[in-house]
Amino acid sequence: MKPTRFSCPWAVIAAVLFPAVAPAFDPPVDTAGPLRVRIEGPDEITRADTPLEVRVIADNLGDRSIDAAVRLGLIDGWKSEPAGDVPLALQPKATTKLAFQVRPAGDSVSGHYPIHAF
């Protein structure tokens, strides 16, 4: 006897009728091995001609020192100071904050703009 196959995809219908609540954006936190990195910045920018401070917080969750470099990735026309790689040295179980001054492009309008830490 063949198993019965339904022609109606119940999972799809359920997802459409009863969507789960999901956040619009993931928090700016990522982990790679013992290194956890998060980005802190303003919730709102009211003037495109004023630099804003963006902080990258790095946590070493492991038992060995970590030597790395951090740089920001910004959308076209946006600038960061420092602009290149910033050295990062973390002792075991330590946390450090790196501060960047980010200047939006002059033609920026209200919206969501990505800021990435690499």
PDB file of N, CA and C in Angstrom:
ATOM      1  N   MET A   1       0.842  -1.173   0.000  1.00  0.00           N
ATOM      2  CA  MET A   1       0.000   0.000   0.000  1.00  0.00           C
ATOM      3  C   MET A   1       0.891   1.240   0.000  1.00  0.00           C
ATOM      4  N   LYS A   2       0.603   2.184  -0.896  1.00  0.00           N
ATOM      5  CA  LYS A   2       1.382   3.413  -0.996  1.00  0.00           C
ATOM      6  C   LYS A   2       0.983   4.369   0.124  1.00  0.00           C
ATOM      7  N   PRO A   3       1.960   5.112   0.630  1.00  0.00           N
ATOM      8  CA  PRO A   3       1.591   6.122   1.632  1.00  0.00           C
ATOM      9  C   PRO A   3       0.763   7.223   0.972  1.00  0.00           C
ATOM     10  N   THR A   4      -0.128   7.787   1.744  1.00  0.00           N
ATOM     11  CA  THR A   4      -0.976   8.856   1.233  1.00  0.00           C
ATOM     12  C   THR A   4      -0.168  10.142   1.152  1.00  0.00           C
ATOM     13  N   ARG A   5      -0.288  10.829   0.028  1.00  0.00           N
ATOM     14  CA  ARG A   5       0.395  12.109  -0.144  1.00  0.00           C
ATOM     15  C   ARG A   5      -0.678  13.182  -0.236  1.00  0.00           C
ATOM     16  N   PHE A   6      -0.495  14.202   0.537  1.00  0.00           N
ATOM     17  CA  PHE A   6      -1.431  15.307   0.505  1.00  0.00           C
ATOM     18  C   PHE A   6      -0.989  16.300  -0.557  1.00  0.00           C
ATOM     19  N   SER A   7      -1.915  16.786  -1.320  1.00  0.00           N
ATOM     20  CA  SER A   7      -1.583  17.766  -2.344  1.00  0.00           C
ATOM     21  C   SER A   7      -1.494  19.170  -1.758  1.00  0.00           C
ATOM     22  N   CYS A   8      -1.904  19.326  -0.520  1.00  0.00           N
ATOM     23  CA  CYS A   8      -1.892  20.630   0.129  1.00  0.00           C
ATOM     24  C   CYS A   8      -0.722  20.701   1.115  1.00  0.00           C
ATOM     25  N   PRO A   9       0.207  21.613   0.920  1.00  0.00           N
ATOM     26  CA  PRO A   9       1.348  21.717   1.841  1.00  0.00           C
ATOM     27  C   PRO A   9       0.931  22.400   3.146  1.00  0.00           C
ATOM     28  N   TRP A  10       0.549  21.597   4.127  1.00  0.00           N
ATOM     29  CA  TRP A  10       0.025  22.125   5.389  1.00  0.00           C
ATOM     30  C   TRP A  10       1.010  23.032   6.106  1.00  0.00           C
ATOM     31  N   ALA A  11       2.266  22.739   6.029  1.00  0.00           N
ATOM     32  CA  ALA A  11       3.257  23.573   6.712  1.00  0.00           C
ATOM     33  C   ALA A  11       3.281  24.986   6.129  1.00  0.00           C
ATOM     34  N   VAL A  12       3.143  25.085   4.818  1.00  0.00           N
ATOM     35  CA  VAL A  12       3.145  26.402   4.176  1.00  0.00           C
ATOM     36  C   VAL A  12       1.899  27.178   4.570  1.00  0.00           C
ATOM     37  N   ILE A  13       0.770  26.511   4.559  1.00  0.00           N
ATOM     38  CA  ILE A  13      -0.480  27.178   4.928  1.00  0.00           C
ATOM     39  C   ILE A  13      -0.423  27.631   6.383  1.00  0.00           C
ATOM     40  N   ALA A  14       0.072  26.792   7.252  1.00  0.00           N
ATOM     41  CA  ALA A  14       0.181  27.158   8.669  1.00  0.00           C
ATOM     42  C   ALA A  14       1.117  28.346   8.850  1.00  0.00           C
ATOM     43  N   ALA A  15       2.224  28.372   8.118  1.00  0.00           N
ATOM     44  CA  ALA A  15       3.170  29.487   8.225  1.00  0.00           C
ATOM     45  C   ALA A  15       2.541  30.791   7.759  1.00  0.00           C
ATOM     46  N   VAL A  16       1.699  30.729   6.738  1.00  0.00           N
ATOM     47  CA  VAL A  16       1.039  31.937   6.232  1.00  0.00           C
ATOM     48  C   VAL A  16      -0.054  32.398   7.182  1.00  0.00           C
ATOM     49  N   LEU A  17      -0.852  31.466   7.675  1.00  0.00           N
ATOM     50  CA  LEU A  17      -1.961  31.829   8.544  1.00  0.00           C
ATOM     51  C   LEU A  17      -1.530  32.182   9.958  1.00  0.00           C
ATOM     52  N   PHE A  18      -0.476  31.554  10.444  1.00  0.00           N
ATOM     53  CA  PHE A  18      -0.020  31.742  11.821  1.00  0.00           C
ATOM     54  C   PHE A  18       1.482  32.036  11.835  1.00  0.00           C
ATOM     55  N   PRO A  19       1.875  33.192  11.326  1.00  0.00           N
ATOM     56  CA  PRO A  19       3.314  33.477  11.273  1.00  0.00           C
ATOM     57  C   PRO A  19       3.897  33.630  12.666  1.00  0.00           C
ATOM     58  N   ALA A  20       5.104  33.166  12.819  1.00  0.00           N
ATOM     59  CA  ALA A  20       5.805  33.330  14.085  1.00  0.00           C
ATOM     60  C   ALA A  20       6.331  34.757  14.163  1.00  0.00           C
ATOM     61  N   VAL A  21       6.396  35.280  15.352  1.00  0.00           N
ATOM     62  CA  VAL A  21       6.943  36.615  15.542  1.00  0.00           C
ATOM     63  C   VAL A  21       8.458  36.502  15.440  1.00  0.00           C
ATOM     64  N   ALA A  22       9.043  37.317  14.589  1.00  0.00           N
ATOM     65  CA  ALA A  22      10.488  37.293  14.389  1.00  0.00           C
ATOM     66  C   ALA A  22      11.004  38.721  14.418  1.00  0.00           C
ATOM     67  N   PRO A  23      12.196  38.917  15.009  1.00  0.00           N
ATOM     68  CA  PRO A  23      12.736  40.265  15.022  1.00  0.00           C
ATOM     69  C   PRO A  23      13.104  40.703  13.603  1.00  0.00           C
ATOM     70  N   ALA A  24      13.069  42.001  13.369  1.00  0.00           N
ATOM     71  CA  ALA A  24      13.398  42.519  12.050  1.00  0.00           C
ATOM     72  C   ALA A  24      14.884  42.358  11.744  1.00  0.00           C
ATOM     73  N   PHE A  25      15.723  42.499  12.763  1.00  0.00           N
ATOM     74  CA  PHE A  25      17.161  42.402  12.576  1.00  0.00           C
ATOM     75  C   PHE A  25      17.763  41.568  13.692  1.00  0.00           C
ATOM     76  N   ASP A  26      18.793  40.826  13.346  1.00  0.00           N
ATOM     77  CA  ASP A  26      19.543  40.115  14.374  1.00  0.00           C
ATOM     78  C   ASP A  26      20.378  41.126  15.142  1.00  0.00           C
ATOM     79  N   PRO A  27      20.640  40.881  16.424  1.00  0.00           N
ATOM     80  CA  PRO A  27      21.504  41.803  17.161  1.00  0.00           C
ATOM     81  C   PRO A  27      22.913  41.772  16.572  1.00  0.00           C
ATOM     82  N   PRO A  28      23.638  42.868  16.673  1.00  0.00           N
ATOM     83  CA  PRO A  28      24.983  42.927  16.089  1.00  0.00           C
ATOM     84  C   PRO A  28      26.016  42.218  16.961  1.00  0.00           C
ATOM     85  N   VAL A  29      25.865  40.891  17.084  1.00  0.00           N
ATOM     86  CA  VAL A  29      26.759  40.072  17.895  1.00  0.00           C
ATOM     87  C   VAL A  29      27.115  38.829  17.096  1.00  0.00           C
ATOM     88  N   ASP A  30      28.388  38.440  17.148  1.00  0.00           N
ATOM     89  CA  ASP A  30      28.799  37.204  16.487  1.00  0.00           C
ATOM     90  C   ASP A  30      29.915  36.568  17.293  1.00  0.00           C
ATOM     91  N   THR A  31      30.039  35.259  17.174  1.00  0.00           N
ATOM     92  CA  THR A  31      31.059  34.504  17.898  1.00  0.00           C
ATOM     93  C   THR A  31      31.791  33.606  16.913  1.00  0.00           C
ATOM     94  N   ALA A  32      33.116  33.572  17.056  1.00  0.00           N
ATOM     95  CA  ALA A  32      33.959  32.670  16.272  1.00  0.00           C
ATOM     96  C   ALA A  32      34.950  32.053  17.238  1.00  0.00           C
ATOM     97  N   GLY A  33      34.755  30.773  17.546  1.00  0.00           N
ATOM     98  CA  GLY A  33      35.611  30.129  18.546  1.00  0.00           C
ATOM     99  C   GLY A  33      35.443  30.849  19.876  1.00  0.00           C
ATOM    100  N   PRO A  34      36.553  31.204  20.525  1.00  0.00           N
ATOM    101  CA  PRO A  34      36.451  31.882  21.823  1.00  0.00           C
ATOM    102  C   PRO A  34      36.239  33.397  21.719  1.00  0.00           C
ATOM    103  N   LEU A  35      36.164  33.929  20.505  1.00  0.00           N
ATOM    104  CA  LEU A  35      36.031  35.373  20.318  1.00  0.00           C
ATOM    105  C   LEU A  35      34.578  35.758  20.058  1.00  0.00           C
ATOM    106  N   ARG A  36      34.054  36.648  20.912  1.00  0.00           N
ATOM    107  CA  ARG A  36      32.711  37.193  20.710  1.00  0.00           C
ATOM    108  C   ARG A  36      32.870  38.687  20.445  1.00  0.00           C
ATOM    109  N   VAL A  37      32.217  39.174  19.391  1.00  0.00           N
ATOM    110  CA  VAL A  37      32.319  40.582  19.007  1.00  0.00           C
ATOM    111  C   VAL A  37      30.915  41.148  18.863  1.00  0.00           C
ATOM    112  N   ARG A  38      30.724  42.353  19.391  1.00  0.00           N
ATOM    113  CA  ARG A  38      29.439  43.033  19.226  1.00  0.00           C
ATOM    114  C   ARG A  38      29.696  44.503  18.877  1.00  0.00           C
ATOM    115  N   ILE A  39      28.724  45.096  18.226  1.00  0.00           N
ATOM    116  CA  ILE A  39      28.828  46.489  17.801  1.00  0.00           C
ATOM    117  C   ILE A  39      27.804  47.301  18.582  1.00  0.00           C
ATOM    118  N   GLU A  40      28.254  48.441  19.125  1.00  0.00           N
ATOM    119  CA  GLU A  40      27.364  49.378  19.798  1.00  0.00           C
ATOM    120  C   GLU A  40      27.426  50.708  19.066  1.00  0.00           C
ATOM    121  N   GLY A  41      26.302  51.301  18.870  1.00  0.00           N
ATOM    122  CA  GLY A  41      26.247  52.602  18.222  1.00  0.00           C
ATOM    123  C   GLY A  41      24.932  53.268  18.537  1.00  0.00           C
ATOM    124  N   PRO A  42      24.739  54.460  18.015  1.00  0.00           N
ATOM    125  CA  PRO A  42      23.487  55.164  18.305  1.00  0.00           C
ATOM    126  C   PRO A  42      22.295  54.468  17.650  1.00  0.00           C
ATOM    127  N   ASP A  43      21.140  54.603  18.280  1.00  0.00           N
ATOM    128  CA  ASP A  43      19.908  54.046  17.715  1.00  0.00           C
ATOM    129  C   ASP A  43      19.389  54.895  16.574  1.00  0.00           C
ATOM    130  N   GLU A  44      19.770  56.167  16.583  1.00  0.00           N
ATOM    131  CA  GLU A  44      19.241  57.083  15.586  1.00  0.00           C
ATOM    132  C   GLU A  44      20.303  58.130  15.259  1.00  0.00           C
ATOM    133  N   ILE A  45      20.356  58.515  14.005  1.00  0.00           N
ATOM    134  CA  ILE A  45      21.247  59.577  13.559  1.00  0.00           C
ATOM    135  C   ILE A  45      20.362  60.704  13.061  1.00  0.00           C
ATOM    136  N   THR A  46      20.556  61.874  13.621  1.00  0.00           N
ATOM    137  CA  THR A  46      19.689  62.990  13.229  1.00  0.00           C
ATOM    138  C   THR A  46      20.369  63.958  12.269  1.00  0.00           C
ATOM    139  N   ARG A  47      21.700  63.886  12.151  1.00  0.00           N
ATOM    140  CA  ARG A  47      22.427  64.782  11.242  1.00  0.00           C
ATOM    141  C   ARG A  47      23.493  63.985  10.504  1.00  0.00           C
ATOM    142  N   ALA A  48      23.438  64.015   9.187  1.00  0.00           N
ATOM    143  CA  ALA A  48      24.409  63.273   8.384  1.00  0.00           C
ATOM    144  C   ALA A  48      25.785  63.924   8.398  1.00  0.00           C
ATOM    145  N   ASP A  49      25.868  65.216   8.764  1.00  0.00           N
ATOM    146  CA  ASP A  49      27.157  65.903   8.741  1.00  0.00           C
ATOM    147  C   ASP A  49      27.917  65.815  10.064  1.00  0.00           C
ATOM    148  N   THR A  50      27.398  65.054  11.012  1.00  0.00           N
ATOM    149  CA  THR A  50      28.023  64.922  12.325  1.00  0.00           C
ATOM    150  C   THR A  50      28.542  63.501  12.509  1.00  0.00           C
ATOM    151  N   PRO A  51      29.843  63.349  12.861  1.00  0.00           N
ATOM    152  CA  PRO A  51      30.354  61.992  13.089  1.00  0.00           C
ATOM    153  C   PRO A  51      29.689  61.357  14.308  1.00  0.00           C
ATOM    154  N   LEU A  52      29.600  60.050  14.292  1.00  0.00           N
ATOM    155  CA  LEU A  52      29.025  59.322  15.415  1.00  0.00           C
ATOM    156  C   LEU A  52      30.012  58.273  15.890  1.00  0.00           C
ATOM    157  N   GLU A  53      29.939  57.972  17.176  1.00  0.00           N
ATOM    158  CA  GLU A  53      30.846  56.967  17.718  1.00  0.00           C
ATOM    159  C   GLU A  53      30.213  55.583  17.603  1.00  0.00           C
ATOM    160  N   VAL A  54      30.988  54.669  17.076  1.00  0.00           N
ATOM    161  CA  VAL A  54      30.609  53.262  16.996  1.00  0.00           C
ATOM    162  C   VAL A  54      31.676  52.491  17.753  1.00  0.00           C
ATOM    163  N   ARG A  55      31.248  51.641  18.676  1.00  0.00           N
ATOM    164  CA  ARG A  55      32.187  50.848  19.467  1.00  0.00           C
ATOM    165  C   ARG A  55      32.100  49.376  19.076  1.00  0.00           C
ATOM    166  N   VAL A  56      33.251  48.753  18.970  1.00  0.00           N
ATOM    167  CA  VAL A  56      33.328  47.314  18.762  1.00  0.00           C
ATOM    168  C   VAL A  56      33.848  46.730  20.069  1.00  0.00           C
ATOM    169  N   ILE A  57      33.049  45.879  20.692  1.00  0.00           N
ATOM    170  CA  ILE A  57      33.417  45.251  21.961  1.00  0.00           C
ATOM    171  C   ILE A  57      33.788  43.812  21.667  1.00  0.00           C
ATOM    172  N   ALA A  58      34.986  43.430  22.077  1.00  0.00           N
ATOM    173  CA  ALA A  58      35.482  42.071  21.835  1.00  0.00           C
ATOM    174  C   ALA A  58      35.713  41.383  23.171  1.00  0.00           C
ATOM    175  N   ASP A  59      35.204  40.167  23.292  1.00  0.00           N
ATOM    176  CA  ASP A  59      35.370  39.343  24.492  1.00  0.00           C
ATOM    177  C   ASP A  59      36.150  38.098  24.126  1.00  0.00           C
ATOM    178  N   ASN A  60      37.184  37.804  24.899  1.00  0.00           N
ATOM    179  CA  ASN A  60      37.903  36.544  24.753  1.00  0.00           C
ATOM    180  C   ASN A  60      37.320  35.588  25.787  1.00  0.00           C
ATOM    181  N   LEU A  61      36.543  34.630  25.333  1.00  0.00           N
ATOM    182  CA  LEU A  61      35.902  33.671  26.233  1.00  0.00           C
ATOM    183  C   LEU A  61      36.790  32.470  26.512  1.00  0.00           C
ATOM    184  N   GLY A  62      37.954  32.424  25.872  1.00  0.00           N
ATOM    185  CA  GLY A  62      38.824  31.263  25.978  1.00  0.00           C
ATOM    186  C   GLY A  62      39.933  31.409  27.005  1.00  0.00           C
ATOM    187  N   ASP A  63      40.830  30.417  26.995  1.00  0.00           N
ATOM    188  CA  ASP A  63      41.936  30.338  27.946  1.00  0.00           C
ATOM    189  C   ASP A  63      43.274  30.726  27.334  1.00  0.00           C
ATOM    190  N   ARG A  64      43.279  31.194  26.086  1.00  0.00           N
ATOM    191  CA  ARG A  64      44.512  31.622  25.413  1.00  0.00           C
ATOM    192  C   ARG A  64      44.357  33.049  24.923  1.00  0.00           C
ATOM    193  N   SER A  65      45.471  33.736  24.783  1.00  0.00           N
ATOM    194  CA  SER A  65      45.454  35.098  24.249  1.00  0.00           C
ATOM    195  C   SER A  65      45.026  35.080  22.783  1.00  0.00           C
ATOM    196  N   ILE A  66      44.418  36.180  22.353  1.00  0.00           N
ATOM    197  CA  ILE A  66      43.995  36.334  20.965  1.00  0.00           C
ATOM    198  C   ILE A  66      44.628  37.605  20.418  1.00  0.00           C
ATOM    199  N   ASP A  67      45.296  37.496  19.291  1.00  0.00           N
ATOM    200  CA  ASP A  67      45.821  38.645  18.563  1.00  0.00           C
ATOM    201  C   ASP A  67      45.119  38.694  17.220  1.00  0.00           C
ATOM    202  N   ALA A  68      44.528  39.830  16.917  1.00  0.00           N
ATOM    203  CA  ALA A  68      43.760  39.959  15.682  1.00  0.00           C
ATOM    204  C   ALA A  68      43.778  41.420  15.248  1.00  0.00           C
ATOM    205  N   ALA A  69      42.961  41.739  14.279  1.00  0.00           N
ATOM    206  CA  ALA A  69      42.776  43.115  13.823  1.00  0.00           C
ATOM    207  C   ALA A  69      41.303  43.300  13.505  1.00  0.00           C
ATOM    208  N   VAL A  70      40.808  44.510  13.707  1.00  0.00           N
ATOM    209  CA  VAL A  70      39.404  44.826  13.466  1.00  0.00           C
ATOM    210  C   VAL A  70      39.341  46.034  12.531  1.00  0.00           C
ATOM    211  N   ARG A  71      38.402  45.985  11.593  1.00  0.00           N
ATOM    212  CA  ARG A  71      38.107  47.143  10.749  1.00  0.00           C
ATOM    213  C   ARG A  71      36.611  47.171  10.525  1.00  0.00           C
ATOM    214  N   LEU A  72      36.107  48.353  10.242  1.00  0.00           N
ATOM    215  CA  LEU A  72      34.679  48.492   9.955  1.00  0.00           C
ATOM    216  C   LEU A  72      34.434  48.400   8.459  1.00  0.00           C
ATOM    217  N   GLY A  73      33.313  47.810   8.103  1.00  0.00           N
ATOM    218  CA  GLY A  73      32.830  47.785   6.730  1.00  0.00           C
ATOM    219  C   GLY A  73      31.594  48.657   6.672  1.00  0.00           C
ATOM    220  N   LEU A  74      31.625  49.651   5.787  1.00  0.00           N
ATOM    221  CA  LEU A  74      30.539  50.627   5.707  1.00  0.00           C
ATOM    222  C   LEU A  74      29.984  50.691   4.294  1.00  0.00           C
ATOM    223  N   ILE A  75      28.808  51.243   4.176  1.00  0.00           N
ATOM    224  CA  ILE A  75      28.182  51.432   2.876  1.00  0.00           C
ATOM    225  C   ILE A  75      28.917  52.541   2.115  1.00  0.00           C
ATOM    226  N   ASP A  76      28.780  52.536   0.806  1.00  0.00           N
ATOM    227  CA  ASP A  76      29.465  53.516  -0.056  1.00  0.00           C
ATOM    228  C   ASP A  76      29.259  54.943   0.428  1.00  0.00           C
ATOM    229  N   GLY A  77      30.348  55.677   0.476  1.00  0.00           N
ATOM    230  CA  GLY A  77      30.294  57.082   0.860  1.00  0.00           C
ATOM    231  C   GLY A  77      30.454  57.327   2.341  1.00  0.00           C
ATOM    232  N   TRP A  78      30.274  56.316   3.159  1.00  0.00           N
ATOM    233  CA  TRP A  78      30.468  56.464   4.594  1.00  0.00           C
ATOM    234  C   TRP A  78      31.957  56.273   4.886  1.00  0.00           C
ATOM    235  N   LYS A  79      32.457  56.972   5.895  1.00  0.00           N
ATOM    236  CA  LYS A  79      33.880  56.922   6.255  1.00  0.00           C
ATOM    237  C   LYS A  79      34.029  56.562   7.721  1.00  0.00           C
ATOM    238  N   SER A  80      35.138  55.909   8.020  1.00  0.00           N
ATOM    239  CA  SER A  80      35.452  55.534   9.393  1.00  0.00           C
ATOM    240  C   SER A  80      36.852  56.023   9.741  1.00  0.00           C
ATOM    241  N   GLU A  81      37.007  56.462  10.977  1.00  0.00           N
ATOM    242  CA  GLU A  81      38.326  56.818  11.493  1.00  0.00           C
ATOM    243  C   GLU A  81      38.519  56.069  12.793  1.00  0.00           C
ATOM    244  N   PRO A  82      39.468  55.200  12.929  1.00  0.00           N
ATOM    245  CA  PRO A  82      40.447  54.826  11.925  1.00  0.00           C
ATOM    246  C   PRO A  82      39.796  54.086  10.757  1.00  0.00           C
ATOM    247  N   ALA A  83      40.431  54.224   9.590  1.00  0.00           N
ATOM    248  CA  ALA A  83      39.872  53.667   8.367  1.00  0.00           C
ATOM    249  C   ALA A  83      40.326  52.238   8.106  1.00  0.00           C
ATOM    250  N   GLY A  84      41.472  51.846   8.604  1.00  0.00           N
ATOM    251  CA  GLY A  84      42.012  50.521   8.317  1.00  0.00           C
ATOM    252  C   GLY A  84      41.920  49.591   9.511  1.00  0.00           C
ATOM    253  N   ASP A  85      42.784  48.597   9.485  1.00  0.00           N
ATOM    254  CA  ASP A  85      42.820  47.609  10.565  1.00  0.00           C
ATOM    255  C   ASP A  85      43.313  48.223  11.870  1.00  0.00           C
ATOM    256  N   VAL A  86      42.649  47.877  12.965  1.00  0.00           N
ATOM    257  CA  VAL A  86      43.041  48.299  14.309  1.00  0.00           C
ATOM    258  C   VAL A  86      43.484  47.040  15.050  1.00  0.00           C
ATOM    259  N   PRO A  87      44.718  47.010  15.576  1.00  0.00           N
ATOM    260  CA  PRO A  87      45.190  45.823  16.287  1.00  0.00           C
ATOM    261  C   PRO A  87      44.326  45.523  17.513  1.00  0.00           C
ATOM    262  N   LEU A  88      44.149  44.244  17.759  1.00  0.00           N
ATOM    263  CA  LEU A  88      43.355  43.775  18.893  1.00  0.00           C
ATOM    264  C   LEU A  88      44.144  42.689  19.596  1.00  0.00           C
ATOM    265  N   ALA A  89      44.475  42.899  20.868  1.00  0.00           N
ATOM    266  CA  ALA A  89      45.174  41.896  21.682  1.00  0.00           C
ATOM    267  C   ALA A  89      44.333  41.662  22.926  1.00  0.00           C
ATOM    268  N   LEU A  90      43.866  40.447  23.083  1.00  0.00           N
ATOM    269  CA  LEU A  90      43.007  40.099  24.215  1.00  0.00           C
ATOM    270  C   LEU A  90      43.628  38.986  25.040  1.00  0.00           C
ATOM    271  N   GLN A  91      43.768  39.233  26.326  1.00  0.00           N
ATOM    272  CA  GLN A  91      44.198  38.199  27.247  1.00  0.00           C
ATOM    273  C   GLN A  91      43.024  37.249  27.497  1.00  0.00           C
ATOM    274  N   PRO A  92      43.282  36.061  28.024  1.00  0.00           N
ATOM    275  CA  PRO A  92      42.185  35.132  28.321  1.00  0.00           C
ATOM    276  C   PRO A  92      41.139  35.770  29.244  1.00  0.00           C
ATOM    277  N   LYS A  93      39.887  35.517  28.955  1.00  0.00           N
ATOM    278  CA  LYS A  93      38.738  35.988  29.741  1.00  0.00           C
ATOM    279  C   LYS A  93      38.684  37.515  29.846  1.00  0.00           C
ATOM    280  N   ALA A  94      39.222  38.220  28.867  1.00  0.00           N
ATOM    281  CA  ALA A  94      39.263  39.679  28.904  1.00  0.00           C
ATOM    282  C   ALA A  94      38.297  40.276  27.882  1.00  0.00           C
ATOM    283  N   THR A  95      37.985  41.554  28.078  1.00  0.00           N
ATOM    284  CA  THR A  95      37.127  42.318  27.181  1.00  0.00           C
ATOM    285  C   THR A  95      37.821  43.621  26.850  1.00  0.00           C
ATOM    286  N   THR A  96      37.659  44.079  25.622  1.00  0.00           N
ATOM    287  CA  THR A  96      38.174  45.383  25.235  1.00  0.00           C
ATOM    288  C   THR A  96      37.180  46.072  24.322  1.00  0.00           C
ATOM    289  N   LYS A  97      37.249  47.414  24.302  1.00  0.00           N
ATOM    290  CA  LYS A  97      36.390  48.214  23.432  1.00  0.00           C
ATOM    291  C   LYS A  97      37.272  49.006  22.487  1.00  0.00           C
ATOM    292  N   LEU A  98      36.897  49.012  21.221  1.00  0.00           N
ATOM    293  CA  LEU A  98      37.569  49.823  20.212  1.00  0.00           C
ATOM    294  C   LEU A  98      36.571  50.860  19.726  1.00  0.00           C
ATOM    295  N   ALA A  99      36.995  52.130  19.689  1.00  0.00           N
ATOM    296  CA  ALA A  99      36.095  53.204  19.274  1.00  0.00           C
ATOM    297  C   ALA A  99      36.438  53.663  17.860  1.00  0.00           C
ATOM    298  N   PHE A 100      35.417  53.862  17.055  1.00  0.00           N
ATOM    299  CA  PHE A 100      35.545  54.365  15.692  1.00  0.00           C
ATOM    300  C   PHE A 100      34.638  55.586  15.552  1.00  0.00           C
ATOM    301  N   GLN A 101      35.092  56.568  14.812  1.00  0.00           N
ATOM    302  CA  GLN A 101      34.260  57.717  14.461  1.00  0.00           C
ATOM    303  C   GLN A 101      33.760  57.474  13.034  1.00  0.00           C
ATOM    304  N   VAL A 102      32.458  57.381  12.880  1.00  0.00           N
ATOM    305  CA  VAL A 102      31.859  57.096  11.578  1.00  0.00           C
ATOM    306  C   VAL A 102      31.142  58.352  11.095  1.00  0.00           C
ATOM    307  N   ARG A 103      31.411  58.715   9.859  1.00  0.00           N
ATOM    308  CA  ARG A 103      30.761  59.875   9.249  1.00  0.00           C
ATOM    309  C   ARG A 103      29.887  59.377   8.099  1.00  0.00           C
ATOM    310  N   PRO A 104      28.561  59.576   8.223  1.00  0.00           N
ATOM    311  CA  PRO A 104      27.667  59.174   7.132  1.00  0.00           C
ATOM    312  C   PRO A 104      27.950  59.991   5.869  1.00  0.00           C
ATOM    313  N   ALA A 105      27.586  59.445   4.745  1.00  0.00           N
ATOM    314  CA  ALA A 105      27.697  60.174   3.479  1.00  0.00           C
ATOM    315  C   ALA A 105      26.767  61.387   3.540  1.00  0.00           C
ATOM    316  N   GLY A 106      27.163  62.462   2.899  1.00  0.00           N
ATOM    317  CA  GLY A 106      26.377  63.690   2.932  1.00  0.00           C
ATOM    318  C   GLY A 106      24.991  63.550   2.353  1.00  0.00           C
ATOM    319  N   ASP A 107      24.802  62.612   1.438  1.00  0.00           N
ATOM    320  CA  ASP A 107      23.490  62.436   0.816  1.00  0.00           C
ATOM    321  C   ASP A 107      22.655  61.341   1.486  1.00  0.00           C
ATOM    322  N   SER A 108      23.053  60.921   2.694  1.00  0.00           N
ATOM    323  CA  SER A 108      22.299  59.889   3.413  1.00  0.00           C
ATOM    324  C   SER A 108      20.929  60.412   3.811  1.00  0.00           C
ATOM    325  N   VAL A 109      19.945  59.557   3.707  1.00  0.00           N
ATOM    326  CA  VAL A 109      18.584  59.886   4.113  1.00  0.00           C
ATOM    327  C   VAL A 109      18.175  58.924   5.221  1.00  0.00           C
ATOM    328  N   SER A 110      17.046  59.165   5.820  1.00  0.00           N
ATOM    329  CA  SER A 110      16.565  58.313   6.894  1.00  0.00           C
ATOM    330  C   SER A 110      16.424  56.880   6.397  1.00  0.00           C
ATOM    331  N   GLY A 111      16.977  55.945   7.143  1.00  0.00           N
ATOM    332  CA  GLY A 111      16.895  54.540   6.760  1.00  0.00           C
ATOM    333  C   GLY A 111      17.803  53.692   7.610  1.00  0.00           C
ATOM    334  N   HIS A 112      17.889  52.424   7.287  1.00  0.00           N
ATOM    335  CA  HIS A 112      18.766  51.490   7.987  1.00  0.00           C
ATOM    336  C   HIS A 112      20.019  51.294   7.138  1.00  0.00           C
ATOM    337  N   TYR A 113      21.177  51.530   7.752  1.00  0.00           N
ATOM    338  CA  TYR A 113      22.439  51.401   7.052  1.00  0.00           C
ATOM    339  C   TYR A 113      23.302  50.369   7.771  1.00  0.00           C
ATOM    340  N   PRO A 114      23.906  49.451   7.030  1.00  0.00           N
ATOM    341  CA  PRO A 114      24.712  48.411   7.677  1.00  0.00           C
ATOM    342  C   PRO A 114      26.075  48.941   8.109  1.00  0.00           C
ATOM    343  N   ILE A 115      26.499  48.508   9.281  1.00  0.00           N
ATOM    344  CA  ILE A 115      27.856  48.703   9.760  1.00  0.00           C
ATOM    345  C   ILE A 115      28.343  47.325  10.185  1.00  0.00           C
ATOM    346  N   HIS A 116      29.440  46.882   9.574  1.00  0.00           N
ATOM    347  CA  HIS A 116      29.978  45.554   9.867  1.00  0.00           C
ATOM    348  C   HIS A 116      31.355  45.693  10.504  1.00  0.00           C
ATOM    349  N   ALA A 117      31.688  44.768  11.374  1.00  0.00           N
ATOM    350  CA  ALA A 117      33.035  44.690  11.955  1.00  0.00           C
ATOM    351  C   ALA A 117      33.673  43.414  11.412  1.00  0.00           C
ATOM    352  N   PHE A 118      34.854  43.567  10.824  1.00  0.00           N
ATOM    353  CA  PHE A 118      35.608  42.426  10.300  1.00  0.00           C
ATOM    354  C   PHE A 118      36.892  42.260  11.078  1.00  0.00           C
TER     355      PHE A 118
END
